[in-house]
Amino acid sequence: MTDKSRVKEAPAEEETPTEEKEEAAEAPADPVAEAEAKAEKYLDMARRLQADFDNYRKRTERDNAEFKKFACSSIITDLLTVVDDLDRALGYVDEETDFVVGIRGVRTNLMKVLESNGLKEIPADGDFDPNYHEALCVVEGDEDGKVAEVFQKGYTLNGKVLRYSKVKVTKKTA
């Protein structure tokens, strides 16, 4: 024998207030306003994408210009050894023959071509500057930090040191 009074029936499912709110949120309140909001969102995304692309294009152009400035640095470095050889050869000449004048002209023309591509000689007279000079040895002198002798000329390419000047530096005697 079962007691029906003890068994309770489950109450019928009723909608709770939170479920009603969820359904109301899912139903579009104003389709025009929703469409305008989506359009504004997509327009904003398109503007951001266009700005990102424009920044990428500018950065790429800047990188390419920088690359072009220094792309020829290795060949210019190799040509500097030729300039050094011409300078050494011309340093041993005693008389000014037509041949020597021609060699000086070749050296001058070569330097004009290199300078038109951004090469500049580092001045090695005056004070020693570790940003541009490499001290190979030190000798006694009247003042500290003066360049006494240049062993090899230094050069910059578009403002960047391509080769440091190799110099002898003075040190004041006590």
Protein backbone atom coordinates (compact mmCIF):
# COMPACT_ATOMS: atom_id res chain seq x y z
CA MET A 1 0.00 0.00 0.00
CA THR A 2 1.36 3.36 -1.03
CA ASP A 3 0.49 6.55 0.48
CA LYS A 4 -0.39 9.03 -2.24
CA SER A 5 -0.38 11.87 0.19
CA ARG A 6 3.34 11.45 0.73
CA VAL A 7 4.23 11.56 -2.98
CA LYS A 8 4.29 15.05 -4.26
CA GLU A 9 3.95 15.84 -7.87
CA ALA A 10 6.54 17.99 -9.50
CA PRO A 11 5.25 21.48 -10.14
CA ALA A 12 4.75 22.47 -13.76
CA GLU A 13 7.74 24.31 -15.24
CA GLU A 14 7.18 28.01 -15.19
CA GLU A 15 9.28 30.68 -16.85
CA THR A 16 11.42 32.60 -14.44
CA PRO A 17 11.95 36.34 -14.77
CA THR A 18 15.60 35.90 -15.88
CA GLU A 19 14.58 33.73 -18.82
CA GLU A 20 12.14 36.38 -19.94
CA LYS A 21 14.94 38.95 -19.91
CA GLU A 22 17.22 36.73 -22.02
CA GLU A 23 14.51 36.30 -24.65
CA ALA A 24 13.88 40.01 -24.69
CA ALA A 25 17.60 40.65 -25.18
CA GLU A 26 17.75 38.24 -28.11
CA ALA A 27 14.84 39.85 -29.87
CA PRO A 28 15.95 42.93 -31.79
CA ALA A 29 14.55 46.06 -30.26
CA ASP A 30 15.23 48.24 -33.28
CA PRO A 31 16.65 46.57 -36.42
CA VAL A 32 17.71 49.92 -37.92
CA ALA A 33 19.72 50.89 -34.86
CA GLU A 34 21.34 47.47 -34.79
CA ALA A 35 22.26 47.71 -38.48
CA GLU A 36 23.72 51.19 -37.96
CA ALA A 37 25.79 49.94 -35.03
CA LYS A 38 27.15 47.07 -37.14
CA ALA A 39 27.90 49.43 -40.01
CA GLU A 40 29.77 51.78 -37.69
CA LYS A 41 31.72 48.86 -36.26
CA TYR A 42 32.72 47.63 -39.73
CA LEU A 43 33.60 51.16 -40.86
CA ASP A 44 35.83 51.56 -37.80
CA MET A 45 37.52 48.23 -38.56
CA ALA A 46 38.07 49.30 -42.19
CA ARG A 47 39.60 52.61 -41.07
CA ARG A 48 41.95 50.83 -38.67
CA LEU A 49 42.97 48.35 -41.35
CA GLN A 50 43.63 51.18 -43.79
CA ALA A 51 45.73 53.05 -41.20
CA ASP A 52 47.70 49.87 -40.42
CA PHE A 53 48.38 49.35 -44.11
CA ASP A 54 49.44 52.98 -44.56
CA ASN A 55 51.87 52.65 -41.61
CA TYR A 56 53.23 49.41 -43.09
CA ARG A 57 53.76 51.10 -46.47
CA LYS A 58 55.60 54.04 -44.89
CA ARG A 59 57.76 51.75 -42.76
CA THR A 60 58.64 49.64 -45.81
CA GLU A 61 59.58 52.73 -47.83
CA ARG A 62 61.76 53.97 -44.96
CA ASP A 63 63.46 50.57 -44.62
CA ASN A 64 64.10 50.41 -48.38
CA ALA A 65 65.62 53.90 -48.38
CA GLU A 66 67.86 52.93 -45.45
CA PHE A 67 68.89 49.74 -47.24
CA LYS A 68 69.76 51.66 -50.41
CA LYS A 69 71.95 54.07 -48.44
CA PHE A 70 74.17 51.28 -47.16
CA ALA A 71 73.77 48.59 -49.84
CA CYS A 72 77.01 49.58 -51.55
CA SER A 73 79.07 49.68 -48.33
CA SER A 74 80.92 46.43 -49.02
CA ILE A 75 82.07 47.44 -52.51
CA ILE A 76 83.08 50.89 -51.23
CA THR A 77 85.12 49.22 -48.47
CA ASP A 78 86.86 47.12 -51.12
CA LEU A 79 87.54 50.19 -53.25
CA LEU A 80 89.11 51.95 -50.26
CA THR A 81 91.97 49.46 -50.40
CA VAL A 82 92.57 50.60 -53.99
CA VAL A 83 92.58 54.23 -52.84
CA ASP A 84 95.07 53.31 -50.10
CA ASP A 85 97.31 51.57 -52.63
CA LEU A 86 97.20 54.62 -54.93
CA ASP A 87 98.05 56.90 -51.99
CA ARG A 88 101.03 54.72 -51.00
CA ALA A 89 102.28 54.56 -54.57
CA LEU A 90 101.95 58.32 -55.01
CA GLY A 91 103.73 58.86 -51.68
CA TYR A 92 106.95 57.38 -53.10
CA VAL A 93 106.99 59.52 -56.25
CA ASP A 94 109.76 62.11 -56.46
CA GLU A 95 109.02 63.76 -59.77
CA GLU A 96 105.79 64.86 -61.42
CA THR A 97 105.74 63.03 -64.74
CA ASP A 98 102.71 62.76 -67.00
CA PHE A 99 102.17 59.23 -65.68
CA VAL A 100 102.07 60.45 -62.05
CA VAL A 101 99.68 63.27 -62.98
CA GLY A 102 97.43 60.71 -64.70
CA ILE A 103 97.45 58.44 -61.64
CA ARG A 104 96.56 61.41 -59.41
CA GLY A 105 93.67 62.18 -61.79
CA VAL A 106 92.44 58.58 -61.56
CA ARG A 107 92.55 58.75 -57.77
CA THR A 108 90.70 62.08 -57.77
CA ASN A 109 87.99 60.72 -60.08
CA LEU A 110 87.61 57.58 -57.97
CA MET A 111 87.20 59.68 -54.82
CA LYS A 112 84.59 61.89 -56.54
CA VAL A 113 82.55 58.81 -57.41
CA LEU A 114 82.82 57.46 -53.88
CA GLU A 115 81.95 60.83 -52.34
CA SER A 116 78.90 61.16 -54.60
CA ASN A 117 77.69 57.90 -53.04
CA GLY A 118 77.96 59.29 -49.50
CA LEU A 119 81.60 58.60 -48.57
CA LYS A 120 83.44 61.20 -46.48
CA GLU A 121 86.94 61.17 -45.07
CA ILE A 122 87.22 61.37 -41.28
CA PRO A 123 89.42 64.30 -40.30
CA ALA A 124 92.40 62.99 -38.34
CA ASP A 125 94.04 66.24 -37.35
CA GLY A 126 93.56 67.66 -33.90
CA ASP A 127 91.93 65.83 -31.02
CA PHE A 128 91.60 62.07 -30.73
CA ASP A 129 87.94 60.96 -30.91
CA PRO A 130 87.30 57.30 -30.06
CA ASN A 131 84.07 57.47 -32.09
CA TYR A 132 86.12 57.95 -35.28
CA HIS A 133 89.71 57.00 -34.46
CA GLU A 134 91.42 53.79 -33.47
CA ALA A 135 94.54 54.35 -31.38
CA LEU A 136 97.28 51.94 -32.40
CA CYS A 137 99.99 53.38 -30.17
CA VAL A 138 100.77 56.23 -27.79
CA VAL A 139 103.76 58.60 -27.91
CA GLU A 140 104.91 61.35 -25.58
CA GLY A 141 103.80 64.83 -26.49
CA ASP A 142 102.95 68.30 -25.26
CA GLU A 143 99.20 67.62 -24.83
CA ASP A 144 97.01 64.66 -24.04
CA GLY A 145 94.77 63.12 -26.68
CA LYS A 146 96.12 64.70 -29.86
CA VAL A 147 96.57 62.77 -33.10
CA ALA A 148 100.31 62.60 -33.78
CA GLU A 149 100.29 60.48 -36.95
CA VAL A 150 97.76 58.80 -39.23
CA PHE A 151 98.55 55.23 -40.30
CA GLN A 152 95.34 54.69 -42.29
CA LYS A 153 92.61 57.16 -43.20
CA GLY A 154 89.10 56.55 -41.91
CA TYR A 155 85.82 57.11 -43.73
CA THR A 156 82.11 57.46 -43.04
CA LEU A 157 79.31 56.40 -45.37
CA ASN A 158 76.16 58.51 -45.03
CA GLY A 159 77.13 59.44 -41.47
CA LYS A 160 77.95 55.90 -40.34
CA VAL A 161 81.59 54.92 -39.70
CA LEU A 162 82.73 52.61 -42.48
CA ARG A 163 86.37 52.43 -41.41
CA TYR A 164 88.01 54.00 -38.36
CA SER A 165 91.15 56.13 -38.76
CA LYS A 166 94.16 54.25 -37.42
CA VAL A 167 96.26 56.80 -35.56
CA LYS A 168 99.10 57.42 -33.13
CA VAL A 169 97.98 59.42 -30.08
CA THR A 170 99.99 61.74 -27.83
CA LYS A 171 100.20 61.54 -24.06
CA LYS A 172 101.50 64.43 -21.99
CA THR A 173 104.74 63.74 -20.20
CA ALA A 174 104.79 64.38 -16.48
